[in-house]
PDB file of N, CA and C in Angstrom:
ATOM      1  N   UNK A   1     115.553  38.094-260.718  1.00  0.00           N
ATOM      2  CA  UNK A   1     115.076  38.904-261.809  1.00  0.00           C
ATOM      3  C   UNK A   1     113.660  38.501-262.152  1.00  0.00           C
ATOM      4  N   UNK A   2     112.903  39.487-262.500  1.00  0.00           N
ATOM      5  CA  UNK A   2     111.516  39.229-262.820  1.00  0.00           C
ATOM      6  C   UNK A   2     111.236  39.217-264.309  1.00  0.00           C
ATOM      7  N   UNK A   3     112.043  39.933-265.096  1.00  0.00           N
ATOM      8  CA  UNK A   3     111.750  39.998-266.516  1.00  0.00           C
ATOM      9  C   UNK A   3     112.984  40.454-267.281  1.00  0.00           C
ATOM     10  N   UNK A   4     113.299  39.726-268.360  1.00  0.00           N
ATOM     11  CA  UNK A   4     114.372  40.116-269.262  1.00  0.00           C
ATOM     12  C   UNK A   4     113.760  40.167-270.643  1.00  0.00           C
ATOM     13  N   UNK A   5     113.956  41.304-271.310  1.00  0.00           N
ATOM     14  CA  UNK A   5     113.415  41.440-272.662  1.00  0.00           C
ATOM     15  C   UNK A   5     114.517  41.953-273.576  1.00  0.00           C
ATOM     16  N   UNK A   6     114.714  41.248-274.692  1.00  0.00           N
ATOM     17  CA  UNK A   6     115.678  41.691-275.683  1.00  0.00           C
ATOM     18  C   UNK A   6     114.933  42.017-276.970  1.00  0.00           C
ATOM     19  N   UNK A   7     115.067  43.264-277.416  1.00  0.00           N
ATOM     20  CA  UNK A   7     114.481  43.725-278.672  1.00  0.00           C
ATOM     21  C   UNK A   7     115.562  43.572-279.741  1.00  0.00           C
ATOM     22  N   UNK A   8     115.429  42.519-280.558  1.00  0.00           N
ATOM     23  CA  UNK A   8     116.432  42.211-281.577  1.00  0.00           C
ATOM     24  C   UNK A   8     116.578  43.348-282.570  1.00  0.00           C
ATOM     25  N   UNK A   9     115.477  43.870-283.038  1.00  0.00           N
ATOM     26  CA  UNK A   9     115.504  44.932-284.048  1.00  0.00           C
ATOM     27  C   UNK A   9     116.196  46.190-283.528  1.00  0.00           C
ATOM     28  N   UNK A  10     115.901  46.576-282.310  1.00  0.00           N
ATOM     29  CA  UNK A  10     116.506  47.779-281.732  1.00  0.00           C
ATOM     30  C   UNK A  10     117.802  47.507-280.995  1.00  0.00           C
ATOM     31  N   UNK A  11     118.135  46.217-280.782  1.00  0.00           N
ATOM     32  CA  UNK A  11     119.318  45.792-280.023  1.00  0.00           C
ATOM     33  C   UNK A  11     119.311  46.423-278.631  1.00  0.00           C
ATOM     34  N   UNK A  12     118.153  46.280-277.953  1.00  0.00           N
ATOM     35  CA  UNK A  12     117.966  46.854-276.619  1.00  0.00           C
ATOM     36  C   UNK A  12     117.652  45.732-275.634  1.00  0.00           C
ATOM     37  N   UNK A  13     118.439  45.651-274.578  1.00  0.00           N
ATOM     38  CA  UNK A  13     118.186  44.689-273.511  1.00  0.00           C
ATOM     39  C   UNK A  13     117.605  45.448-272.327  1.00  0.00           C
ATOM     40  N   UNK A  14     116.427  45.014-271.882  1.00  0.00           N
ATOM     41  CA  UNK A  14     115.781  45.621-270.720  1.00  0.00           C
ATOM     42  C   UNK A  14     115.658  44.556-269.646  1.00  0.00           C
ATOM     43  N   UNK A  15     116.130  44.861-268.457  1.00  0.00           N
ATOM     44  CA  UNK A  15     116.080  43.924-267.340  1.00  0.00           C
ATOM     45  C   UNK A  15     115.293  44.578-266.215  1.00  0.00           C
ATOM     46  N   UNK A  16     114.195  43.941-265.816  1.00  0.00           N
ATOM     47  CA  UNK A  16     113.408  44.393-264.667  1.00  0.00           C
ATOM     48  C   UNK A  16     113.760  43.484-263.496  1.00  0.00           C
ATOM     49  N   UNK A  17     114.266  44.073-262.435  1.00  0.00           N
ATOM     50  CA  UNK A  17     114.695  43.303-261.279  1.00  0.00           C
ATOM     51  C   UNK A  17     113.569  43.059-260.277  1.00  0.00           C
ATOM     52  N   UNK A  18     112.462  43.774-260.421  1.00  0.00           N
ATOM     53  CA  UNK A  18     111.304  43.594-259.541  1.00  0.00           C
ATOM     54  C   UNK A  18     110.059  43.420-260.397  1.00  0.00           C
ATOM     55  N   UNK A  19     109.044  42.817-259.818  1.00  0.00           N
ATOM     56  CA  UNK A  19     107.784  42.666-260.542  1.00  0.00           C
ATOM     57  C   UNK A  19     107.210  44.038-260.855  1.00  0.00           C
ATOM     58  N   UNK A  20     106.587  44.174-262.006  1.00  0.00           N
ATOM     59  CA  UNK A  20     106.028  45.452-262.438  1.00  0.00           C
ATOM     60  C   UNK A  20     105.074  46.027-261.401  1.00  0.00           C
ATOM     61  N   UNK A  21     104.269  45.182-260.794  1.00  0.00           N
ATOM     62  CA  UNK A  21     103.301  45.655-259.797  1.00  0.00           C
ATOM     63  C   UNK A  21     103.971  46.081-258.498  1.00  0.00           C
ATOM     64  N   UNK A  22     105.216  45.636-258.276  1.00  0.00           N
ATOM     65  CA  UNK A  22     105.912  45.969-257.033  1.00  0.00           C
ATOM     66  C   UNK A  22     106.797  47.200-257.162  1.00  0.00           C
ATOM     67  N   UNK A  23     106.822  47.824-258.330  1.00  0.00           N
ATOM     68  CA  UNK A  23     107.683  48.996-258.514  1.00  0.00           C
ATOM     69  C   UNK A  23     107.222  50.136-257.610  1.00  0.00           C
ATOM     70  N   UNK A  24     108.169  50.816-256.994  1.00  0.00           N
ATOM     71  CA  UNK A  24     107.813  51.905-256.084  1.00  0.00           C
ATOM     72  C   UNK A  24     107.267  53.112-256.835  1.00  0.00           C
ATOM     73  N   UNK A  25     106.681  53.999-256.080  1.00  0.00           N
ATOM     74  CA  UNK A  25     106.178  55.237-256.669  1.00  0.00           C
ATOM     75  C   UNK A  25     107.337  56.007-257.277  1.00  0.00           C
ATOM     76  N   UNK A  26     107.035  56.849-258.222  1.00  0.00           N
ATOM     77  CA  UNK A  26     108.060  57.576-258.976  1.00  0.00           C
ATOM     78  C   UNK A  26     108.997  58.386-258.077  1.00  0.00           C
ATOM     79  N   UNK A  27     108.508  58.910-256.972  1.00  0.00           N
ATOM     80  CA  UNK A  27     109.362  59.727-256.113  1.00  0.00           C
ATOM     81  C   UNK A  27     110.367  58.889-255.326  1.00  0.00           C
ATOM     82  N   UNK A  28     110.207  57.574-255.337  1.00  0.00           N
ATOM     83  CA  UNK A  28     111.105  56.718-254.574  1.00  0.00           C
ATOM     84  C   UNK A  28     112.146  56.022-255.430  1.00  0.00           C
ATOM     85  N   UNK A  29     112.266  56.375-256.689  1.00  0.00           N
ATOM     86  CA  UNK A  29     113.324  55.739-257.461  1.00  0.00           C
ATOM     87  C   UNK A  29     114.175  56.773-258.183  1.00  0.00           C
ATOM     88  N   UNK A  30     115.386  56.354-258.458  1.00  0.00           N
ATOM     89  CA  UNK A  30     116.355  57.203-259.131  1.00  0.00           C
ATOM     90  C   UNK A  30     116.788  56.465-260.386  1.00  0.00           C
ATOM     91  N   UNK A  31     116.921  57.209-261.468  1.00  0.00           N
ATOM     92  CA  UNK A  31     117.403  56.603-262.696  1.00  0.00           C
ATOM     93  C   UNK A  31     118.317  57.561-263.413  1.00  0.00           C
ATOM     94  N   UNK A  32     119.440  57.045-263.865  1.00  0.00           N
ATOM     95  CA  UNK A  32     120.331  57.876-264.642  1.00  0.00           C
ATOM     96  C   UNK A  32     121.237  57.025-265.516  1.00  0.00           C
ATOM     97  N   UNK A  33     121.784  57.669-266.528  1.00  0.00           N
ATOM     98  CA  UNK A  33     122.718  57.004-267.425  1.00  0.00           C
ATOM     99  C   UNK A  33     124.060  56.923-266.699  1.00  0.00           C
ATOM    100  N   UNK A  34     124.505  55.702-266.413  1.00  0.00           N
ATOM    101  CA  UNK A  34     125.767  55.540-265.675  1.00  0.00           C
ATOM    102  C   UNK A  34     126.973  55.514-266.610  1.00  0.00           C
ATOM    103  N   UNK A  35     126.725  55.130-267.847  1.00  0.00           N
ATOM    104  CA  UNK A  35     127.742  55.126-268.896  1.00  0.00           C
ATOM    105  C   UNK A  35     127.000  55.242-270.212  1.00  0.00           C
ATOM    106  N   UNK A  36     127.744  55.484-271.264  1.00  0.00           N
ATOM    107  CA  UNK A  36     127.112  55.607-272.568  1.00  0.00           C
ATOM    108  C   UNK A  36     126.269  54.365-272.858  1.00  0.00           C
ATOM    109  N   UNK A  37     124.970  54.578-273.099  1.00  0.00           N
ATOM    110  CA  UNK A  37     124.001  53.543-273.468  1.00  0.00           C
ATOM    111  C   UNK A  37     123.607  52.589-272.343  1.00  0.00           C
ATOM    112  N   UNK A  38     123.911  52.940-271.105  1.00  0.00           N
ATOM    113  CA  UNK A  38     123.490  52.109-269.970  1.00  0.00           C
ATOM    114  C   UNK A  38     122.729  52.985-268.984  1.00  0.00           C
ATOM    115  N   UNK A  39     121.424  52.691-268.824  1.00  0.00           N
ATOM    116  CA  UNK A  39     120.572  53.433-267.900  1.00  0.00           C
ATOM    117  C   UNK A  39     120.203  52.495-266.754  1.00  0.00           C
ATOM    118  N   UNK A  40     120.363  52.970-265.527  1.00  0.00           N
ATOM    119  CA  UNK A  40     120.154  52.157-264.332  1.00  0.00           C
ATOM    120  C   UNK A  40     119.174  52.869-263.405  1.00  0.00           C
ATOM    121  N   UNK A  41     118.139  52.138-262.978  1.00  0.00           N
ATOM    122  CA  UNK A  41     117.135  52.657-262.042  1.00  0.00           C
ATOM    123  C   UNK A  41     117.233  51.864-260.743  1.00  0.00           C
ATOM    124  N   UNK A  42     117.145  52.571-259.620  1.00  0.00           N
ATOM    125  CA  UNK A  42     117.165  51.876-258.327  1.00  0.00           C
ATOM    126  C   UNK A  42     116.380  52.660-257.301  1.00  0.00           C
ATOM    127  N   UNK A  43     116.048  51.972-256.228  1.00  0.00           N
ATOM    128  CA  UNK A  43     115.319  52.564-255.112  1.00  0.00           C
ATOM    129  C   UNK A  43     116.347  52.947-254.049  1.00  0.00           C
ATOM    130  N   UNK A  44     116.602  54.243-253.830  1.00  0.00           N
ATOM    131  CA  UNK A  44     117.622  54.651-252.868  1.00  0.00           C
ATOM    132  C   UNK A  44     117.208  54.433-251.417  1.00  0.00           C
ATOM    133  N   UNK A  45     115.922  54.300-251.152  1.00  0.00           N
ATOM    134  CA  UNK A  45     115.451  54.086-249.784  1.00  0.00           C
ATOM    135  C   UNK A  45     115.664  52.626-249.382  1.00  0.00           C
ATOM    136  N   UNK A  46     115.199  51.712-250.223  1.00  0.00           N
ATOM    137  CA  UNK A  46     115.358  50.288-249.925  1.00  0.00           C
ATOM    138  C   UNK A  46     116.692  49.730-250.431  1.00  0.00           C
ATOM    139  N   UNK A  47     117.444  50.560-251.162  1.00  0.00           N
ATOM    140  CA  UNK A  47     118.739  50.172-251.712  1.00  0.00           C
ATOM    141  C   UNK A  47     118.631  48.903-252.549  1.00  0.00           C
ATOM    142  N   UNK A  48     117.716  48.945-253.520  1.00  0.00           N
ATOM    143  CA  UNK A  48     117.498  47.801-254.395  1.00  0.00           C
ATOM    144  C   UNK A  48     117.485  48.244-255.858  1.00  0.00           C
ATOM    145  N   UNK A  49     118.041  47.399-256.739  1.00  0.00           N
ATOM    146  CA  UNK A  49     117.957  47.713-258.166  1.00  0.00           C
ATOM    147  C   UNK A  49     116.538  47.496-258.666  1.00  0.00           C
ATOM    148  N   UNK A  50     116.105  48.313-259.608  1.00  0.00           N
ATOM    149  CA  UNK A  50     114.760  48.194-260.167  1.00  0.00           C
ATOM    150  C   UNK A  50     114.791  47.769-261.629  1.00  0.00           C
ATOM    151  N   UNK A  51     115.585  48.482-262.429  1.00  0.00           N
ATOM    152  CA  UNK A  51     115.582  48.217-263.869  1.00  0.00           C
ATOM    153  C   UNK A  51     116.897  48.700-264.482  1.00  0.00           C
ATOM    154  N   UNK A  52     117.275  48.036-265.572  1.00  0.00           N
ATOM    155  CA  UNK A  52     118.446  48.474-266.318  1.00  0.00           C
ATOM    156  C   UNK A  52     118.130  48.333-267.800  1.00  0.00           C
ATOM    157  N   UNK A  53     118.537  49.339-268.561  1.00  0.00           N
ATOM    158  CA  UNK A  53     118.322  49.335-270.007  1.00  0.00           C
ATOM    159  C   UNK A  53     119.684  49.494-270.664  1.00  0.00           C
ATOM    160  N   UNK A  54     119.989  48.556-271.558  1.00  0.00           N
ATOM    161  CA  UNK A  54     121.254  48.596-272.296  1.00  0.00           C
ATOM    162  C   UNK A  54     120.939  48.793-273.769  1.00  0.00           C
ATOM    163  N   UNK A  55     121.246  49.995-274.270  1.00  0.00           N
ATOM    164  CA  UNK A  55     121.030  50.324-275.672  1.00  0.00           C
ATOM    165  C   UNK A  55     122.221  49.830-276.488  1.00  0.00           C
ATOM    166  N   UNK A  56     121.963  49.341-277.687  1.00  0.00           N
ATOM    167  CA  UNK A  56     123.021  48.757-278.530  1.00  0.00           C
ATOM    168  C   UNK A  56     123.737  47.643-277.764  1.00  0.00           C
ATOM    169  N   UNK A  57     122.951  46.770-277.163  1.00  0.00           N
ATOM    170  CA  UNK A  57     123.474  45.728-276.266  1.00  0.00           C
ATOM    171  C   UNK A  57     124.584  44.893-276.911  1.00  0.00           C
ATOM    172  N   UNK A  58     124.352  44.341-278.099  1.00  0.00           N
ATOM    173  CA  UNK A  58     125.361  43.465-278.710  1.00  0.00           C
ATOM    174  C   UNK A  58     126.654  44.232-279.004  1.00  0.00           C
ATOM    175  N   UNK A  59     126.530  45.489-279.374  1.00  0.00           N
ATOM    176  CA  UNK A  59     127.725  46.306-279.607  1.00  0.00           C
ATOM    177  C   UNK A  59     128.453  46.588-278.294  1.00  0.00           C
ATOM    178  N   UNK A  60     127.701  46.837-277.227  1.00  0.00           N
ATOM    179  CA  UNK A  60     128.320  47.064-275.919  1.00  0.00           C
ATOM    180  C   UNK A  60     129.123  45.845-275.480  1.00  0.00           C
ATOM    181  N   UNK A  61     128.553  44.648-275.673  1.00  0.00           N
ATOM    182  CA  UNK A  61     129.255  43.422-275.283  1.00  0.00           C
ATOM    183  C   UNK A  61     130.584  43.325-276.025  1.00  0.00           C
ATOM    184  N   UNK A  62     130.538  43.503-277.340  1.00  0.00           N
ATOM    185  CA  UNK A  62     131.759  43.397-278.151  1.00  0.00           C
ATOM    186  C   UNK A  62     132.766  44.493-277.801  1.00  0.00           C
ATOM    187  N   UNK A  63     132.293  45.731-277.715  1.00  0.00           N
ATOM    188  CA  UNK A  63     133.181  46.866-277.466  1.00  0.00           C
ATOM    189  C   UNK A  63     133.830  46.792-276.081  1.00  0.00           C
ATOM    190  N   UNK A  64     133.027  46.514-275.055  1.00  0.00           N
ATOM    191  CA  UNK A  64     133.559  46.555-273.686  1.00  0.00           C
ATOM    192  C   UNK A  64     134.440  45.364-273.354  1.00  0.00           C
ATOM    193  N   UNK A  65     134.430  44.358-274.203  1.00  0.00           N
ATOM    194  CA  UNK A  65     135.335  43.225-273.989  1.00  0.00           C
ATOM    195  C   UNK A  65     136.781  43.712-274.021  1.00  0.00           C
ATOM    196  N   UNK A  66     137.084  44.627-274.925  1.00  0.00           N
ATOM    197  CA  UNK A  66     138.438  45.177-275.055  1.00  0.00           C
ATOM    198  C   UNK A  66     138.574  46.578-274.451  1.00  0.00           C
ATOM    199  N   UNK A  67     137.464  47.319-274.402  1.00  0.00           N
ATOM    200  CA  UNK A  67     137.475  48.720-273.966  1.00  0.00           C
ATOM    201  C   UNK A  67     136.379  48.976-272.937  1.00  0.00           C
ATOM    202  N   UNK A  68     136.648  48.721-271.673  1.00  0.00           N
ATOM    203  CA  UNK A  68     135.611  48.977-270.669  1.00  0.00           C
ATOM    204  C   UNK A  68     135.163  50.437-270.707  1.00  0.00           C
ATOM    205  N   UNK A  69     133.887  50.656-270.437  1.00  0.00           N
ATOM    206  CA  UNK A  69     133.336  52.012-270.429  1.00  0.00           C
ATOM    207  C   UNK A  69     133.615  52.681-269.093  1.00  0.00           C
ATOM    208  N   UNK A  70     134.039  53.924-269.146  1.00  0.00           N
ATOM    209  CA  UNK A  70     134.227  54.689-267.914  1.00  0.00           C
ATOM    210  C   UNK A  70     132.874  55.168-267.424  1.00  0.00           C
ATOM    211  N   UNK A  71     132.684  55.121-266.136  1.00  0.00           N
ATOM    212  CA  UNK A  71     131.422  55.566-265.532  1.00  0.00           C
ATOM    213  C   UNK A  71     131.479  57.052-265.204  1.00  0.00           C
ATOM    214  N   UNK A  72     131.917  57.854-266.167  1.00  0.00           N
ATOM    215  CA  UNK A  72     132.041  59.300-265.981  1.00  0.00           C
ATOM    216  C   UNK A  72     130.700  59.949-265.664  1.00  0.00           C
ATOM    217  N   UNK A  73     129.641  59.475-266.287  1.00  0.00           N
ATOM    218  CA  UNK A  73     128.329  60.104-266.105  1.00  0.00           C
ATOM    219  C   UNK A  73     127.811  59.923-264.678  1.00  0.00           C
ATOM    220  N   UNK A  74     128.327  58.934-263.990  1.00  0.00           N
ATOM    221  CA  UNK A  74     127.938  58.703-262.600  1.00  0.00           C
ATOM    222  C   UNK A  74     128.376  59.868-261.709  1.00  0.00           C
ATOM    223  N   UNK A  75     129.479  60.512-262.060  1.00  0.00           N
ATOM    224  CA  UNK A  75     130.024  61.592-261.230  1.00  0.00           C
ATOM    225  C   UNK A  75     129.164  62.850-261.233  1.00  0.00           C
ATOM    226  N   UNK A  76     128.160  62.912-262.084  1.00  0.00           N
ATOM    227  CA  UNK A  76     127.261  64.075-262.138  1.00  0.00           C
ATOM    228  C   UNK A  76     126.225  64.063-261.011  1.00  0.00           C
ATOM    229  N   UNK A  77     126.176  62.977-260.280  1.00  0.00           N
ATOM    230  CA  UNK A  77     125.134  62.799-259.267  1.00  0.00           C
ATOM    231  C   UNK A  77     125.709  62.904-257.857  1.00  0.00           C
ATOM    232  N   UNK A  78     124.845  63.110-256.863  1.00  0.00           N
ATOM    233  CA  UNK A  78     125.326  63.226-255.479  1.00  0.00           C
ATOM    234  C   UNK A  78     126.155  62.007-255.060  1.00  0.00           C
ATOM    235  N   UNK A  79     127.164  62.246-254.234  1.00  0.00           N
ATOM    236  CA  UNK A  79     128.086  61.184-253.785  1.00  0.00           C
ATOM    237  C   UNK A  79     127.348  59.991-253.189  1.00  0.00           C
ATOM    238  N   UNK A  80     126.307  60.246-252.409  1.00  0.00           N
ATOM    239  CA  UNK A  80     125.559  59.157-251.777  1.00  0.00           C
ATOM    240  C   UNK A  80     124.957  58.234-252.835  1.00  0.00           C
ATOM    241  N   UNK A  81     124.387  58.823-253.896  1.00  0.00           N
ATOM    242  CA  UNK A  81     123.792  58.022-254.958  1.00  0.00           C
ATOM    243  C   UNK A  81     124.866  57.320-255.786  1.00  0.00           C
ATOM    244  N   UNK A  82     126.012  57.964-255.955  1.00  0.00           N
ATOM    245  CA  UNK A  82     127.127  57.323-256.664  1.00  0.00           C
ATOM    246  C   UNK A  82     127.569  56.065-255.925  1.00  0.00           C
ATOM    247  N   UNK A  83     127.776  56.199-254.617  1.00  0.00           N
ATOM    248  CA  UNK A  83     128.221  55.057-253.810  1.00  0.00           C
ATOM    249  C   UNK A  83     127.199  53.928-253.837  1.00  0.00           C
ATOM    250  N   UNK A  84     125.923  54.285-253.728  1.00  0.00           N
ATOM    251  CA  UNK A  84     124.879  53.269-253.740  1.00  0.00           C
ATOM    252  C   UNK A  84     124.807  52.573-255.094  1.00  0.00           C
ATOM    253  N   UNK A  85     124.878  53.324-256.179  1.00  0.00           N
ATOM    254  CA  UNK A  85     124.851  52.724-257.522  1.00  0.00           C
ATOM    255  C   UNK A  85     126.026  51.762-257.698  1.00  0.00           C
ATOM    256  N   UNK A  86     127.214  52.170-257.285  1.00  0.00           N
ATOM    257  CA  UNK A  86     128.388  51.300-257.401  1.00  0.00           C
ATOM    258  C   UNK A  86     128.229  50.037-256.558  1.00  0.00           C
ATOM    259  N   UNK A  87     127.677  50.188-255.379  1.00  0.00           N
ATOM    260  CA  UNK A  87     127.428  49.032-254.508  1.00  0.00           C
ATOM    261  C   UNK A  87     126.466  48.050-255.191  1.00  0.00           C
ATOM    262  N   UNK A  88     125.372  48.570-255.746  1.00  0.00           N
ATOM    263  CA  UNK A  88     124.373  47.710-256.384  1.00  0.00           C
ATOM    264  C   UNK A  88     124.916  47.047-257.646  1.00  0.00           C
ATOM    265  N   UNK A  89     125.759  47.754-258.382  1.00  0.00           N
ATOM    266  CA  UNK A  89     126.339  47.195-259.611  1.00  0.00           C
ATOM    267  C   UNK A  89     127.248  46.007-259.294  1.00  0.00           C
ATOM    268  N   UNK A  90     127.883  46.033-258.134  1.00  0.00           N
ATOM    269  CA  UNK A  90     128.818  44.968-257.764  1.00  0.00           C
ATOM    270  C   UNK A  90     128.148  43.721-257.213  1.00  0.00           C
ATOM    271  N   UNK A  91     126.850  43.784-256.964  1.00  0.00           N
ATOM    272  CA  UNK A  91     126.136  42.664-256.352  1.00  0.00           C
ATOM    273  C   UNK A  91     125.142  42.054-257.328  1.00  0.00           C
ATOM    274  N   UNK A  92     124.872  40.735-257.169  1.00  0.00           N
ATOM    275  CA  UNK A  92     123.772  40.154-257.961  1.00  0.00           C
ATOM    276  C   UNK A  92     122.473  40.835-257.569  1.00  0.00           C
ATOM    277  N   UNK A  93     121.560  41.013-258.449  1.00  0.00           N
ATOM    278  CA  UNK A  93     121.507  40.502-259.804  1.00  0.00           C
ATOM    279  C   UNK A  93     122.180  41.409-260.845  1.00  0.00           C
ATOM    280  N   UNK A  94     122.535  42.646-260.501  1.00  0.00           N
ATOM    281  CA  UNK A  94     123.117  43.560-261.488  1.00  0.00           C
ATOM    282  C   UNK A  94     124.470  43.047-261.974  1.00  0.00           C
ATOM    283  N   UNK A  95     125.250  42.455-261.086  1.00  0.00           N
ATOM    284  CA  UNK A  95     126.566  41.948-261.473  1.00  0.00           C
ATOM    285  C   UNK A  95     126.484  40.778-262.451  1.00  0.00           C
ATOM    286  N   UNK A  96     125.292  40.229-262.648  1.00  0.00           N
ATOM    287  CA  UNK A  96     125.106  39.194-263.669  1.00  0.00           C
ATOM    288  C   UNK A  96     125.178  39.794-265.073  1.00  0.00           C
ATOM    289  N   UNK A  97     125.038  41.104-265.168  1.00  0.00           N
ATOM    290  CA  UNK A  97     125.001  41.804-266.458  1.00  0.00           C
ATOM    291  C   UNK A  97     126.186  42.735-266.671  1.00  0.00           C
ATOM    292  N   UNK A  98     126.716  43.272-265.585  1.00  0.00           N
ATOM    293  CA  UNK A  98     127.820  44.232-265.669  1.00  0.00           C
ATOM    294  C   UNK A  98     128.974  43.760-264.800  1.00  0.00           C
ATOM    295  N   UNK A  99     130.180  43.993-265.285  1.00  0.00           N
ATOM    296  CA  UNK A  99     131.375  43.680-264.518  1.00  0.00           C
ATOM    297  C   UNK A  99     132.087  44.992-264.215  1.00  0.00           C
ATOM    298  N   UNK A 100     132.095  45.364-262.950  1.00  0.00           N
ATOM    299  CA  UNK A 100     132.706  46.628-262.533  1.00  0.00           C
ATOM    300  C   UNK A 100     134.190  46.423-262.288  1.00  0.00           C
ATOM    301  N   UNK A 101     134.986  47.342-262.811  1.00  0.00           N
ATOM    302  CA  UNK A 101     136.437  47.309-262.628  1.00  0.00           C
ATOM    303  C   UNK A 101     136.876  48.643-262.049  1.00  0.00           C
ATOM    304  N   UNK A 102     137.875  48.588-261.210  1.00  0.00           N
ATOM    305  CA  UNK A 102     138.448  49.816-260.666  1.00  0.00           C
ATOM    306  C   UNK A 102     139.926  49.563-260.391  1.00  0.00           C
ATOM    307  N   UNK A 103     140.704  50.579-260.586  1.00  0.00           N
ATOM    308  CA  UNK A 103     142.116  50.484-260.228  1.00  0.00           C
ATOM    309  C   UNK A 103     142.552  51.835-259.685  1.00  0.00           C
ATOM    310  N   UNK A 104     143.647  51.837-258.993  1.00  0.00           N
ATOM    311  CA  UNK A 104     144.153  53.076-258.405  1.00  0.00           C
ATOM    312  C   UNK A 104     144.575  54.077-259.477  1.00  0.00           C
ATOM    313  N   UNK A 105     144.916  53.586-260.666  1.00  0.00           N
ATOM    314  CA  UNK A 105     145.393  54.458-261.739  1.00  0.00           C
ATOM    315  C   UNK A 105     144.265  55.130-262.505  1.00  0.00           C
ATOM    316  N   UNK A 106     143.051  54.609-262.396  1.00  0.00           N
ATOM    317  CA  UNK A 106     141.927  55.145-263.166  1.00  0.00           C
ATOM    318  C   UNK A 106     141.179  56.209-262.364  1.00  0.00           C
ATOM    319  N   UNK A 107     140.807  57.259-263.031  1.00  0.00           N
ATOM    320  CA  UNK A 107     140.055  58.326-262.372  1.00  0.00           C
ATOM    321  C   UNK A 107     138.609  57.892-262.119  1.00  0.00           C
ATOM    322  N   UNK A 108     138.093  57.015-262.980  1.00  0.00           N
ATOM    323  CA  UNK A 108     136.710  56.554-262.872  1.00  0.00           C
ATOM    324  C   UNK A 108     136.673  55.031-262.851  1.00  0.00           C
ATOM    325  N   UNK A 109     135.620  54.511-262.265  1.00  0.00           N
ATOM    326  CA  UNK A 109     135.373  53.084-262.384  1.00  0.00           C
ATOM    327  C   UNK A 109     135.037  52.788-263.843  1.00  0.00           C
ATOM    328  N   UNK A 110     135.292  51.564-264.260  1.00  0.00           N
ATOM    329  CA  UNK A 110     134.919  51.152-265.608  1.00  0.00           C
ATOM    330  C   UNK A 110     134.008  49.941-265.514  1.00  0.00           C
ATOM    331  N   UNK A 111     133.298  49.681-266.599  1.00  0.00           N
ATOM    332  CA  UNK A 111     132.359  48.576-266.596  1.00  0.00           C
ATOM    333  C   UNK A 111     132.433  47.839-267.928  1.00  0.00           C
ATOM    334  N   UNK A 112     132.304  46.523-267.845  1.00  0.00           N
ATOM    335  CA  UNK A 112     132.174  45.670-269.026  1.00  0.00           C
ATOM    336  C   UNK A 112     130.764  45.104-269.013  1.00  0.00           C
ATOM    337  N   UNK A 113     130.191  44.954-270.194  1.00  0.00           N
ATOM    338  CA  UNK A 113     128.856  44.372-270.325  1.00  0.00           C
ATOM    339  C   UNK A 113     129.037  42.898-270.637  1.00  0.00           C
ATOM    340  N   UNK A 114     128.388  42.051-269.862  1.00  0.00           N
ATOM    341  CA  UNK A 114     128.508  40.608-270.034  1.00  0.00           C
ATOM    342  C   UNK A 114     127.548  40.109-271.104  1.00  0.00           C
ATOM    343  N   UNK A 115     128.013  39.110-271.829  1.00  0.00           N
ATOM    344  CA  UNK A 115     127.173  38.481-272.847  1.00  0.00           C
ATOM    345  C   UNK A 115     126.277  37.465-272.159  1.00  0.00           C
ATOM    346  N   UNK A 116     124.998  37.528-272.483  1.00  0.00           N
ATOM    347  CA  UNK A 116     124.034  36.596-271.903  1.00  0.00           C
ATOM    348  C   UNK A 116     123.642  35.550-272.921  1.00  0.00           C
ATOM    349  N   UNK A 117     123.419  34.361-272.432  1.00  0.00           N
ATOM    350  CA  UNK A 117     122.845  33.315-273.269  1.00  0.00           C
ATOM    351  C   UNK A 117     121.440  33.113-272.732  1.00  0.00           C
ATOM    352  N   UNK A 118     120.471  33.642-273.458  1.00  0.00           N
ATOM    353  CA  UNK A 118     119.086  33.595-273.010  1.00  0.00           C
ATOM    354  C   UNK A 118     118.393  32.375-273.594  1.00  0.00           C
ATOM    355  N   UNK A 119     118.039  31.478-272.720  1.00  0.00           N
ATOM    356  CA  UNK A 119     117.334  30.276-273.133  1.00  0.00           C
ATOM    357  C   UNK A 119     115.898  30.393-272.651  1.00  0.00           C
ATOM    358  N   UNK A 120     114.936  29.846-273.396  1.00  0.00           N
ATOM    359  CA  UNK A 120     113.538  29.933-272.965  1.00  0.00           C
ATOM    360  C   UNK A 120     113.332  29.431-271.539  1.00  0.00           C
ATOM    361  N   UNK A 121     113.968  28.341-271.155  1.00  0.00           N
ATOM    362  CA  UNK A 121     113.818  27.794-269.803  1.00  0.00           C
ATOM    363  C   UNK A 121     114.287  28.796-268.754  1.00  0.00           C
ATOM    364  N   UNK A 122     115.404  29.455-269.017  1.00  0.00           N
ATOM    365  CA  UNK A 122     115.922  30.459-268.090  1.00  0.00           C
ATOM    366  C   UNK A 122     114.924  31.603-267.931  1.00  0.00           C
ATOM    367  N   UNK A 123     114.344  32.038-269.022  1.00  0.00           N
ATOM    368  CA  UNK A 123     113.388  33.139-268.961  1.00  0.00           C
ATOM    369  C   UNK A 123     112.149  32.728-268.169  1.00  0.00           C
ATOM    370  N   UNK A 124     111.710  31.482-268.320  1.00  0.00           N
ATOM    371  CA  UNK A 124     110.549  31.010-267.564  1.00  0.00           C
ATOM    372  C   UNK A 124     110.845  30.983-266.078  1.00  0.00           C
ATOM    373  N   UNK A 125     112.049  30.583-265.699  1.00  0.00           N
ATOM    374  CA  UNK A 125     112.400  30.485-264.291  1.00  0.00           C
ATOM    375  C   UNK A 125     112.526  31.843-263.625  1.00  0.00           C
ATOM    376  N   UNK A 126     112.822  32.883-264.381  1.00  0.00           N
ATOM    377  CA  UNK A 126     113.017  34.204-263.782  1.00  0.00           C
ATOM    378  C   UNK A 126     111.723  34.974-263.598  1.00  0.00           C
ATOM    379  N   UNK A 127     110.638  34.489-264.147  1.00  0.00           N
ATOM    380  CA  UNK A 127     109.370  35.225-264.006  1.00  0.00           C
ATOM    381  C   UNK A 127     108.580  34.737-262.826  1.00  0.00           C
TER     382      UNK A 127
END
């Protein structure tokens, strides 16, 4: 990870997985809301995560502990992008923030938001 920013006032966690200068051109990335208040951007060509924004982060952590969010909004996109997004969510570094769950009984995958303990030293090491 290259940058983690938490806006306390807005309760927004923004995670940049690549350096700002290394971000691909706009035509090479895809971004969409995968679940309520979770926006995920990735590069479908290089199959790499770029950025994730979690709105109402602290509420998501508390809520999804007992009630995982269904990834219904993911189904609005082409199957290829759905599969790639699910693949990226299951792997580090995205899996450090989201826990993907699936069962045969569920129509959609579900996700839990992990609680982070952000220490200044950790933030320095990720930049």
